[in-house]
N, C-alpha and C. Protein backbone atom coordinates (compact mmCIF):
# COMPACT_ATOMS: atom_id res chain seq x y z
N MET A 1 -17.85 -72.39 33.88
CA MET A 1 -19.00 -72.01 34.11
C MET A 1 -20.10 -73.32 34.59
N ILE A 2 -20.75 -73.05 35.57
CA ILE A 2 -21.48 -73.91 36.09
C ILE A 2 -22.83 -74.27 35.53
N SER A 3 -23.15 -75.51 35.38
CA SER A 3 -24.58 -75.86 34.81
C SER A 3 -25.12 -77.00 35.92
N ILE A 4 -26.49 -77.02 35.53
CA ILE A 4 -27.14 -78.16 36.17
C ILE A 4 -27.94 -78.76 35.36
N GLU A 5 -27.76 -80.12 34.97
CA GLU A 5 -28.24 -80.86 34.00
C GLU A 5 -28.94 -82.02 34.59
N LYS A 6 -29.83 -82.53 33.97
CA LYS A 6 -30.70 -83.67 34.24
C LYS A 6 -29.78 -84.72 34.45
N LEU A 7 -30.11 -85.59 35.46
CA LEU A 7 -29.28 -86.55 35.83
C LEU A 7 -29.69 -87.92 34.79
N LYS A 8 -28.52 -88.36 34.26
CA LYS A 8 -28.56 -89.58 33.23
C LYS A 8 -28.30 -90.83 33.96
N GLU A 9 -28.76 -92.01 33.50
CA GLU A 9 -28.46 -93.40 34.04
C GLU A 9 -26.92 -93.59 34.13
N GLN A 10 -26.18 -93.23 33.50
CA GLN A 10 -24.66 -93.34 33.40
C GLN A 10 -24.16 -92.67 34.41
N ASP A 11 -24.71 -91.34 34.99
CA ASP A 11 -24.31 -90.47 36.18
C ASP A 11 -24.49 -91.37 37.40
N SER A 12 -25.26 -92.27 37.39
CA SER A 12 -25.46 -92.74 38.69
C SER A 12 -24.33 -93.64 39.34
N GLU A 13 -23.41 -94.02 38.50
CA GLU A 13 -22.18 -94.61 38.84
C GLU A 13 -21.41 -93.78 39.73
N LEU A 14 -21.15 -92.57 39.23
CA LEU A 14 -20.41 -91.57 39.79
C LEU A 14 -21.05 -91.03 41.15
N MET A 15 -22.26 -91.12 41.04
CA MET A 15 -23.17 -90.91 42.29
C MET A 15 -22.92 -91.93 43.53
N ASP A 16 -22.88 -93.26 42.98
CA ASP A 16 -22.13 -94.24 43.97
C ASP A 16 -21.09 -94.03 44.31
N ILE A 17 -20.05 -93.63 43.91
CA ILE A 17 -18.66 -93.27 44.13
C ILE A 17 -18.85 -92.22 45.20
N TRP A 18 -19.44 -91.22 44.95
CA TRP A 18 -19.82 -89.97 45.98
C TRP A 18 -20.35 -90.35 47.29
N LYS A 19 -21.43 -91.29 47.03
CA LYS A 19 -22.06 -91.73 48.31
C LYS A 19 -20.95 -92.66 49.33
N GLY A 20 -20.16 -93.17 48.68
CA GLY A 20 -19.36 -94.23 49.31
C GLY A 20 -18.35 -93.40 49.93
N ASN A 21 -17.70 -92.19 49.29
CA ASN A 21 -16.79 -91.40 49.80
C ASN A 21 -17.40 -90.61 50.84
N TYR A 22 -18.70 -90.21 50.70
CA TYR A 22 -19.41 -89.51 51.94
C TYR A 22 -19.50 -90.39 53.03
N GLU A 23 -19.93 -91.42 53.02
CA GLU A 23 -20.08 -92.51 54.13
C GLU A 23 -18.57 -92.67 54.84
N ASN A 24 -17.74 -92.93 53.98
CA ASN A 24 -16.33 -92.95 54.77
C ASN A 24 -15.71 -91.68 55.42
N GLU A 25 -15.85 -90.74 54.45
CA GLU A 25 -15.33 -89.22 54.96
C GLU A 25 -16.05 -88.91 56.37
N HIS A 26 -17.42 -89.19 56.80
CA HIS A 26 -18.12 -88.85 58.06
C HIS A 26 -18.33 -90.04 58.83
N ASN A 27 -17.70 -91.12 58.43
CA ASN A 27 -17.69 -92.23 59.47
C ASN A 27 -19.06 -92.60 59.79
N ILE A 28 -20.00 -92.58 58.81
CA ILE A 28 -21.28 -92.99 59.17
C ILE A 28 -21.72 -94.51 58.81
N LYS A 29 -22.13 -95.13 59.82
CA LYS A 29 -22.36 -96.57 59.74
C LYS A 29 -23.81 -96.89 59.59
N GLY A 30 -24.23 -97.44 58.60
CA GLY A 30 -25.35 -97.95 58.24
C GLY A 30 -26.41 -96.93 57.59
N VAL A 31 -25.95 -95.82 57.35
CA VAL A 31 -26.83 -94.76 56.80
C VAL A 31 -27.07 -95.04 55.37
N ILE A 32 -26.02 -95.17 54.79
CA ILE A 32 -26.02 -95.35 53.37
C ILE A 32 -25.76 -96.67 52.78
N LYS A 33 -26.80 -97.45 53.38
CA LYS A 33 -26.65 -98.95 52.89
C LYS A 33 -27.79 -99.03 51.98
N TYR A 34 -27.54 -99.38 50.67
CA TYR A 34 -28.68 -99.62 49.86
C TYR A 34 -28.15 -100.64 48.78
N ASP A 35 -29.45 -101.02 48.08
CA ASP A 35 -29.10 -101.67 46.77
C ASP A 35 -28.83 -100.99 45.66
N LYS A 36 -27.82 -100.88 45.09
CA LYS A 36 -27.34 -99.86 44.02
C LYS A 36 -28.44 -100.11 42.96
N LYS A 37 -28.77 -101.17 42.45
CA LYS A 37 -29.71 -101.32 41.24
C LYS A 37 -30.92 -100.72 41.84
N TYR A 38 -31.37 -101.30 43.12
CA TYR A 38 -32.84 -100.45 43.46
C TYR A 38 -32.97 -99.00 43.59
N TRP A 39 -31.77 -98.70 43.97
CA TRP A 39 -31.59 -97.07 44.35
C TRP A 39 -31.75 -96.34 42.73
N ARG A 40 -30.88 -96.93 41.97
CA ARG A 40 -30.90 -96.54 40.64
C ARG A 40 -32.30 -96.24 40.05
N GLU A 41 -32.93 -97.47 39.91
CA GLU A 41 -34.33 -97.56 39.44
C GLU A 41 -35.23 -96.64 40.15
N LYS A 42 -35.15 -96.35 41.46
CA LYS A 42 -35.98 -95.51 42.37
C LYS A 42 -35.66 -94.05 41.84
N ILE A 43 -34.58 -93.68 41.79
CA ILE A 43 -34.43 -92.27 41.19
C ILE A 43 -34.73 -91.97 40.00
N MET A 44 -34.37 -92.73 39.08
CA MET A 44 -34.64 -92.53 37.58
C MET A 44 -36.32 -92.44 37.31
N GLY A 45 -37.13 -93.17 37.99
CA GLY A 45 -38.36 -93.21 38.00
C GLY A 45 -39.25 -92.63 38.96
N CYS A 46 -38.76 -91.89 39.94
CA CYS A 46 -39.50 -91.24 40.98
C CYS A 46 -40.55 -90.11 40.18
N SER A 47 -41.65 -90.29 40.82
CA SER A 47 -42.60 -89.07 40.19
C SER A 47 -42.79 -88.00 40.94
N ASN A 48 -41.89 -87.85 42.39
CA ASN A 48 -42.06 -86.71 42.96
C ASN A 48 -40.67 -86.33 43.46
N CYS A 49 -39.64 -86.68 42.64
CA CYS A 49 -38.30 -86.16 42.89
C CYS A 49 -37.69 -85.86 41.38
N GLN A 50 -36.63 -84.99 41.50
CA GLN A 50 -35.86 -84.65 40.39
C GLN A 50 -34.54 -84.61 40.85
N TYR A 51 -33.50 -85.12 39.98
CA TYR A 51 -32.26 -85.23 40.22
C TYR A 51 -31.54 -84.64 39.13
N TRP A 52 -30.33 -83.85 39.48
CA TRP A 52 -29.65 -83.13 38.49
C TRP A 52 -28.25 -83.43 38.75
N ILE A 53 -27.20 -83.16 37.86
CA ILE A 53 -25.91 -83.29 37.99
C ILE A 53 -25.33 -81.87 37.87
N ILE A 54 -24.53 -81.49 38.94
CA ILE A 54 -23.85 -80.16 38.73
C ILE A 54 -22.40 -80.30 38.06
N ASN A 55 -22.46 -79.56 36.88
CA ASN A 55 -21.21 -79.59 35.88
C ASN A 55 -20.45 -78.28 35.93
N ASN A 56 -19.32 -78.37 36.29
CA ASN A 56 -18.27 -77.26 36.26
C ASN A 56 -17.30 -77.23 35.25
N GLY A 57 -17.75 -76.64 34.10
CA GLY A 57 -16.74 -76.39 33.01
C GLY A 57 -16.45 -77.84 32.49
N GLY A 58 -17.43 -78.86 32.28
CA GLY A 58 -17.32 -80.07 31.95
C GLY A 58 -16.90 -81.25 32.89
N ILE A 59 -16.66 -80.92 34.08
CA ILE A 59 -16.55 -81.82 35.02
C ILE A 59 -17.54 -81.89 36.14
N LYS A 60 -18.07 -83.26 35.93
CA LYS A 60 -19.27 -83.45 37.02
C LYS A 60 -18.87 -83.54 38.67
N ILE A 61 -19.28 -82.45 39.00
CA ILE A 61 -18.68 -82.29 40.65
C ILE A 61 -19.66 -82.50 41.73
N GLY A 62 -20.96 -82.99 41.38
CA GLY A 62 -21.87 -82.97 42.49
C GLY A 62 -23.36 -83.19 41.94
N VAL A 63 -24.24 -83.26 43.02
CA VAL A 63 -25.76 -83.58 42.57
C VAL A 63 -26.41 -82.60 43.33
N VAL A 64 -27.53 -82.10 42.86
CA VAL A 64 -28.67 -81.48 43.36
C VAL A 64 -29.92 -82.06 43.26
N ASP A 65 -30.91 -82.13 44.21
CA ASP A 65 -32.14 -82.72 43.94
C ASP A 65 -33.20 -82.05 44.68
N ILE A 66 -34.42 -82.41 44.19
CA ILE A 66 -35.57 -81.85 44.90
C ILE A 66 -36.48 -83.27 44.84
N ASN A 67 -37.10 -83.25 46.12
CA ASN A 67 -37.90 -84.48 46.42
C ASN A 67 -38.98 -84.30 47.50
N HIS A 68 -39.91 -84.94 47.49
CA HIS A 68 -41.05 -84.74 48.43
C HIS A 68 -41.82 -83.41 47.80
N ILE A 69 -41.84 -83.57 46.40
CA ILE A 69 -42.58 -82.50 45.75
C ILE A 69 -43.97 -82.57 45.90
N ASP A 70 -44.62 -81.33 46.19
CA ASP A 70 -46.16 -81.27 46.02
C ASP A 70 -46.55 -80.02 45.45
N ASP A 71 -47.74 -79.58 45.68
CA ASP A 71 -48.18 -78.37 45.06
C ASP A 71 -47.48 -77.12 45.43
N ASP A 72 -47.11 -77.19 46.64
CA ASP A 72 -46.62 -76.04 47.34
C ASP A 72 -45.23 -75.97 47.32
N GLY A 73 -44.40 -77.12 47.68
CA GLY A 73 -43.02 -77.05 47.77
C GLY A 73 -42.23 -78.26 47.67
N CYS A 74 -41.14 -78.34 48.24
CA CYS A 74 -40.36 -79.53 48.23
C CYS A 74 -39.13 -79.51 49.11
N VAL A 75 -38.48 -80.49 49.21
CA VAL A 75 -37.15 -80.56 50.06
C VAL A 75 -35.95 -80.75 48.91
N LEU A 76 -35.08 -79.40 49.20
CA LEU A 76 -34.04 -79.36 48.29
C LEU A 76 -32.74 -79.88 48.98
N GLU A 77 -31.93 -80.54 48.22
CA GLU A 77 -30.63 -81.25 48.77
C GLU A 77 -29.63 -81.17 47.77
N TYR A 78 -28.34 -81.05 48.08
CA TYR A 78 -27.20 -81.13 47.19
C TYR A 78 -25.92 -81.57 47.89
N TYR A 79 -25.15 -82.06 47.27
CA TYR A 79 -23.73 -82.36 47.72
C TYR A 79 -22.70 -82.22 46.67
N ILE A 80 -21.58 -81.54 47.05
CA ILE A 80 -20.64 -81.63 46.15
C ILE A 80 -19.65 -82.89 46.36
N GLY A 81 -19.55 -83.57 45.48
CA GLY A 81 -18.97 -84.84 45.42
C GLY A 81 -17.59 -84.85 45.28
N ASP A 82 -17.03 -83.96 44.35
CA ASP A 82 -15.67 -83.67 44.08
C ASP A 82 -14.97 -82.91 45.14
N ILE A 83 -14.20 -83.35 45.80
CA ILE A 83 -13.69 -82.75 46.88
C ILE A 83 -12.75 -81.55 46.38
N HIS A 84 -12.25 -81.70 45.39
CA HIS A 84 -11.38 -80.44 44.65
C HIS A 84 -12.27 -79.43 44.46
N PHE A 85 -13.62 -79.35 44.40
CA PHE A 85 -14.57 -78.16 44.06
C PHE A 85 -15.34 -77.84 45.55
N ARG A 86 -14.70 -78.33 46.48
CA ARG A 86 -15.59 -77.92 48.04
C ARG A 86 -14.90 -76.52 48.33
N GLY A 87 -15.41 -75.55 49.18
CA GLY A 87 -14.97 -74.53 49.65
C GLY A 87 -14.82 -73.60 48.69
N ARG A 88 -15.50 -73.33 47.44
CA ARG A 88 -15.48 -72.41 46.45
C ARG A 88 -16.33 -71.54 46.27
N ASN A 89 -17.20 -71.60 47.39
CA ASN A 89 -18.53 -70.75 47.20
C ASN A 89 -19.69 -71.27 46.09
N ILE A 90 -19.48 -72.41 45.90
CA ILE A 90 -20.20 -73.02 44.52
C ILE A 90 -21.93 -73.11 45.29
N THR A 91 -21.72 -73.70 46.62
CA THR A 91 -22.93 -74.02 47.22
C THR A 91 -23.83 -72.58 47.43
N SER A 92 -23.47 -71.72 47.56
CA SER A 92 -24.29 -70.38 47.68
C SER A 92 -24.87 -69.95 46.33
N SER A 93 -24.06 -70.18 45.10
CA SER A 93 -24.49 -69.71 43.98
C SER A 93 -25.64 -71.02 43.62
N ILE A 94 -25.39 -72.27 43.86
CA ILE A 94 -26.24 -73.14 43.48
C ILE A 94 -27.58 -72.91 44.35
N LEU A 95 -27.46 -72.59 45.26
CA LEU A 95 -28.88 -72.34 46.23
C LEU A 95 -29.73 -71.00 45.56
N TRP A 96 -28.84 -69.86 45.25
CA TRP A 96 -29.40 -68.83 44.65
C TRP A 96 -30.01 -69.32 43.38
N ASN A 97 -29.53 -69.77 42.73
CA ASN A 97 -30.21 -70.28 41.41
C ASN A 97 -31.21 -71.17 41.54
N MET A 98 -31.11 -72.26 42.50
CA MET A 98 -32.34 -73.30 42.53
C MET A 98 -33.37 -72.55 43.11
N TYR A 99 -33.38 -71.59 44.01
CA TYR A 99 -34.45 -70.68 44.86
C TYR A 99 -35.01 -70.11 43.72
N ASN A 100 -34.33 -69.47 42.67
CA ASN A 100 -34.81 -68.69 41.73
C ASN A 100 -35.71 -69.76 40.85
N TYR A 101 -35.11 -71.00 40.42
CA TYR A 101 -35.87 -71.84 39.61
C TYR A 101 -37.09 -72.37 40.44
N LEU A 102 -36.92 -72.84 41.42
CA LEU A 102 -38.22 -73.28 42.17
C LEU A 102 -39.27 -72.43 42.47
N PHE A 103 -38.84 -70.77 42.66
CA PHE A 103 -40.14 -70.20 42.86
C PHE A 103 -40.42 -69.45 41.77
N HIS A 104 -39.46 -69.19 40.58
CA HIS A 104 -40.19 -68.50 39.56
C HIS A 104 -40.68 -69.66 38.51
N GLU A 105 -39.78 -70.58 38.25
CA GLU A 105 -40.36 -71.43 37.18
C GLU A 105 -41.22 -72.74 37.48
N LEU A 106 -41.23 -73.21 38.70
CA LEU A 106 -42.02 -74.15 39.29
C LEU A 106 -43.12 -73.47 40.00
N LYS A 107 -42.92 -72.25 40.47
CA LYS A 107 -44.02 -71.70 41.17
C LYS A 107 -44.35 -72.12 42.51
N MET A 108 -43.21 -72.75 43.08
CA MET A 108 -43.33 -73.45 44.69
C MET A 108 -43.36 -72.24 45.79
N LYS A 109 -44.11 -72.72 46.61
CA LYS A 109 -44.03 -71.61 47.80
C LYS A 109 -43.15 -71.68 48.72
N TYR A 110 -42.25 -72.93 49.10
CA TYR A 110 -41.22 -73.02 49.87
C TYR A 110 -40.19 -74.16 49.63
N ALA A 111 -39.40 -74.07 50.07
CA ALA A 111 -38.18 -75.20 49.91
C ALA A 111 -37.33 -75.39 51.39
N ILE A 112 -37.20 -76.67 51.60
CA ILE A 112 -36.87 -77.01 52.96
C ILE A 112 -35.54 -77.61 52.74
N THR A 113 -34.47 -77.39 53.48
CA THR A 113 -33.04 -78.10 53.20
C THR A 113 -32.90 -78.64 54.78
N VAL A 114 -32.38 -79.84 54.93
CA VAL A 114 -32.04 -80.53 56.19
C VAL A 114 -30.65 -80.45 56.03
N VAL A 115 -29.99 -79.83 57.27
CA VAL A 115 -28.53 -79.75 57.55
C VAL A 115 -27.95 -80.27 58.89
N SER A 116 -27.02 -80.88 58.85
CA SER A 116 -26.53 -81.56 60.20
C SER A 116 -26.02 -80.46 60.99
N GLU A 117 -26.42 -80.50 62.40
CA GLU A 117 -25.85 -79.59 63.28
C GLU A 117 -24.23 -79.25 63.20
N ASN A 118 -23.69 -80.45 62.89
CA ASN A 118 -21.95 -80.34 62.91
C ASN A 118 -21.65 -79.58 61.49
N ASP A 119 -22.35 -79.40 60.77
CA ASP A 119 -21.92 -78.71 59.27
C ASP A 119 -22.27 -77.51 59.59
N GLU A 120 -21.52 -76.65 60.36
CA GLU A 120 -21.74 -75.11 60.58
C GLU A 120 -21.64 -74.31 59.51
N LYS A 121 -20.75 -74.61 58.68
CA LYS A 121 -20.54 -73.81 57.27
C LYS A 121 -21.61 -73.79 56.61
N ASN A 122 -22.15 -74.97 56.35
CA ASN A 122 -23.31 -75.14 55.65
C ASN A 122 -24.60 -74.55 56.16
N LEU A 123 -24.78 -74.51 57.36
CA LEU A 123 -25.92 -74.01 58.13
C LEU A 123 -25.83 -72.51 57.67
N ASN A 124 -24.47 -72.10 58.20
CA ASN A 124 -24.29 -70.51 58.17
C ASN A 124 -24.52 -70.00 56.74
N THR A 125 -24.28 -70.73 55.51
CA THR A 125 -24.67 -70.39 54.30
C THR A 125 -26.20 -70.05 54.22
N HIS A 126 -27.21 -71.16 54.73
CA HIS A 126 -28.34 -71.04 54.45
C HIS A 126 -28.80 -69.91 55.22
N LEU A 127 -28.29 -69.58 56.24
CA LEU A 127 -28.90 -68.37 57.29
C LEU A 127 -28.57 -67.11 56.46
N ALA A 128 -27.35 -67.13 56.11
CA ALA A 128 -26.74 -65.89 55.21
C ALA A 128 -27.71 -65.58 54.14
N MET A 129 -28.12 -66.78 53.41
CA MET A 129 -29.11 -66.59 52.12
C MET A 129 -30.52 -66.18 52.74
N GLY A 130 -30.84 -66.16 54.01
CA GLY A 130 -31.80 -65.72 54.45
C GLY A 130 -32.90 -66.69 54.91
N CYS A 131 -32.50 -68.00 54.95
CA CYS A 131 -33.31 -69.32 55.61
C CYS A 131 -33.61 -69.14 56.64
N ASP A 132 -34.69 -69.50 57.36
CA ASP A 132 -35.28 -69.68 58.60
C ASP A 132 -35.07 -71.01 59.15
N ILE A 133 -34.74 -71.09 60.62
CA ILE A 133 -34.57 -72.42 61.16
C ILE A 133 -36.10 -72.70 61.58
N LYS A 134 -36.42 -73.92 61.18
CA LYS A 134 -38.00 -74.27 61.43
C LYS A 134 -38.12 -75.30 62.05
N GLY A 135 -37.05 -76.30 62.39
CA GLY A 135 -37.20 -77.33 63.24
C GLY A 135 -35.86 -78.15 63.49
N ARG A 136 -35.98 -79.02 64.43
CA ARG A 136 -34.66 -79.84 64.64
C ARG A 136 -35.17 -81.29 65.10
N PHE A 137 -34.72 -82.39 64.37
CA PHE A 137 -34.83 -83.52 64.70
C PHE A 137 -33.61 -84.15 65.68
N LYS A 138 -33.93 -84.50 66.69
CA LYS A 138 -32.86 -84.72 67.88
C LYS A 138 -32.23 -86.18 67.51
N GLU A 139 -31.09 -86.03 67.41
CA GLU A 139 -30.02 -87.28 67.30
C GLU A 139 -30.68 -88.19 66.38
N ASN A 140 -30.79 -87.57 65.13
CA ASN A 140 -31.29 -88.14 63.83
C ASN A 140 -30.21 -88.52 63.00
N GLU A 141 -28.85 -88.18 63.14
CA GLU A 141 -27.82 -88.76 62.38
C GLU A 141 -26.62 -89.32 63.19
N HIS A 142 -26.19 -90.39 62.92
CA HIS A 142 -25.07 -91.01 63.54
C HIS A 142 -23.83 -90.83 62.87
N ARG A 143 -22.86 -90.06 63.46
CA ARG A 143 -21.53 -89.48 62.72
C ARG A 143 -20.54 -89.52 63.79
N ASN A 144 -19.39 -90.18 63.41
CA ASN A 144 -18.09 -90.20 64.24
C ASN A 144 -18.61 -90.71 65.70
N GLU A 145 -19.42 -91.83 65.68
CA GLU A 145 -19.54 -92.35 66.91
C GLU A 145 -20.55 -91.72 67.98
N LYS A 146 -21.28 -90.79 67.40
CA LYS A 146 -22.15 -89.95 68.19
C LYS A 146 -23.28 -89.46 67.37
N PHE A 147 -24.55 -89.39 68.31
CA PHE A 147 -25.84 -89.01 67.55
C PHE A 147 -25.65 -87.55 67.47
N ASN A 148 -26.29 -87.00 66.26
CA ASN A 148 -26.26 -85.43 65.98
C ASN A 148 -27.68 -85.14 65.43
N ASP A 149 -27.94 -83.91 65.90
CA ASP A 149 -29.32 -83.26 65.47
C ASP A 149 -29.18 -82.81 63.97
N MET A 150 -30.47 -82.69 63.51
CA MET A 150 -30.70 -82.39 62.00
C MET A 150 -31.46 -81.13 61.93
N ILE A 151 -31.06 -80.20 61.43
CA ILE A 151 -31.77 -78.90 61.55
C ILE A 151 -32.51 -78.61 60.04
N TYR A 152 -33.60 -78.36 60.30
CA TYR A 152 -34.49 -78.06 59.07
C TYR A 152 -34.54 -76.45 58.82
N VAL A 153 -33.99 -76.07 57.60
CA VAL A 153 -34.05 -74.61 57.34
C VAL A 153 -35.15 -74.43 56.03
N LEU A 154 -35.63 -73.24 56.13
CA LEU A 154 -36.78 -73.16 55.19
C LEU A 154 -36.60 -71.67 54.51
N MET A 155 -36.99 -71.69 53.37
CA MET A 155 -37.02 -70.56 52.56
C MET A 155 -38.46 -70.49 51.88
N LYS A 156 -38.97 -69.36 52.18
CA LYS A 156 -40.34 -69.26 51.36
C LYS A 156 -40.28 -68.15 50.26
N SER A 157 -41.19 -68.51 49.35
CA SER A 157 -41.01 -67.72 48.04
C SER A 157 -40.89 -66.14 48.37
N GLU A 158 -42.05 -65.90 49.29
CA GLU A 158 -42.37 -64.42 49.43
C GLU A 158 -41.20 -63.70 50.11
N LYS A 159 -40.45 -64.44 50.78
CA LYS A 159 -39.12 -63.94 51.53
C LYS A 159 -38.12 -63.65 50.41
N TRP A 160 -38.05 -65.09 49.62
CA TRP A 160 -36.68 -65.04 48.74
C TRP A 160 -37.11 -63.71 47.73
N ASN A 161 -38.45 -63.30 47.21
CA ASN A 161 -38.52 -62.33 46.25
C ASN A 161 -38.23 -60.92 46.89
N ASN A 162 -38.34 -60.96 48.32
CA ASN A 162 -38.00 -59.55 48.75
C ASN A 162 -36.53 -59.45 48.93
N ILE A 163 -35.60 -60.62 49.05
CA ILE A 163 -34.03 -60.62 49.33
C ILE A 163 -33.34 -60.90 48.24
N LYS A 164 -33.60 -61.50 47.23
CA LYS A 164 -32.85 -62.14 46.19
C LYS A 164 -31.98 -61.22 45.39
N GLY A 165 -32.39 -59.90 45.40
CA GLY A 165 -31.81 -58.87 44.68
C GLY A 165 -30.43 -58.45 45.32
N GLY A 166 -30.29 -59.01 46.71
CA GLY A 166 -29.40 -58.63 47.43
C GLY A 166 -27.87 -59.41 47.41
N PHE A 167 -28.08 -60.53 46.44
CA PHE A 167 -26.92 -60.99 46.30
C PHE A 167 -26.55 -61.03 44.96
N ASP A 168 -25.24 -61.34 44.58
CA ASP A 168 -24.71 -61.21 43.30
C ASP A 168 -23.95 -62.49 42.86
N PHE A 169 -24.71 -63.40 42.14
CA PHE A 169 -24.16 -64.81 41.98
C PHE A 169 -24.11 -64.92 40.58
N GLU A 170 -23.53 -65.88 40.03
CA GLU A 170 -23.39 -66.05 38.55
C GLU A 170 -24.76 -66.77 38.57
N GLN A 171 -25.07 -66.38 37.11
CA GLN A 171 -26.38 -67.27 36.80
C GLN A 171 -26.04 -68.70 36.10
N ILE A 172 -26.51 -69.59 36.75
CA ILE A 172 -26.51 -70.96 36.40
C ILE A 172 -27.56 -71.58 35.55
N SER A 173 -27.20 -72.31 34.43
CA SER A 173 -28.20 -72.76 33.62
C SER A 173 -28.79 -74.11 34.21
N ILE A 174 -30.06 -74.10 34.37
CA ILE A 174 -30.63 -75.08 35.13
C ILE A 174 -31.59 -75.90 34.11
N GLU A 175 -31.28 -77.26 33.60
CA GLU A 175 -32.09 -78.05 32.62
C GLU A 175 -33.45 -78.36 33.10
N LYS A 176 -34.30 -77.82 32.41
CA LYS A 176 -35.75 -77.80 33.22
C LYS A 176 -36.52 -79.23 33.08
N ILE A 177 -36.89 -79.56 34.21
CA ILE A 177 -37.78 -80.89 34.34
C ILE A 177 -39.10 -80.84 33.66
């Protein structure tokens, strides 16, 4: 059973490992250069963001966060850090549950996610969930020795309320912020 739990300071070391693996896996140079202590302090004390750990049967497998939170919406991000849990349709279930949480519990009006143009599976997951493409940052990511576009996908609460019943995903427990 999957649960989404508030990030604790001790989880930040696991996130450091996942960030390092991501950088190596995607051959990203200079994108994830940060001072770990500063980064930990920033996310633990952030007033307009919230981080959670994705837990699958007692195994911490990834992170989900919302940032740039305002009265109307947020940016939704997630990452499955444990490679053994990728490709198991976990992302769709997390998105479905996070949209419900954002739109019904937090009363937000929209959620934006930024997806690399090279991550077709992820982009297709968002489109299948009903997201609309709202924009594109040209050559915003440097991966595998070339620049790639980043695509902005948007889910609005009105649209979500009309389509959410068409999906059948496991209910995930989300620790409230």
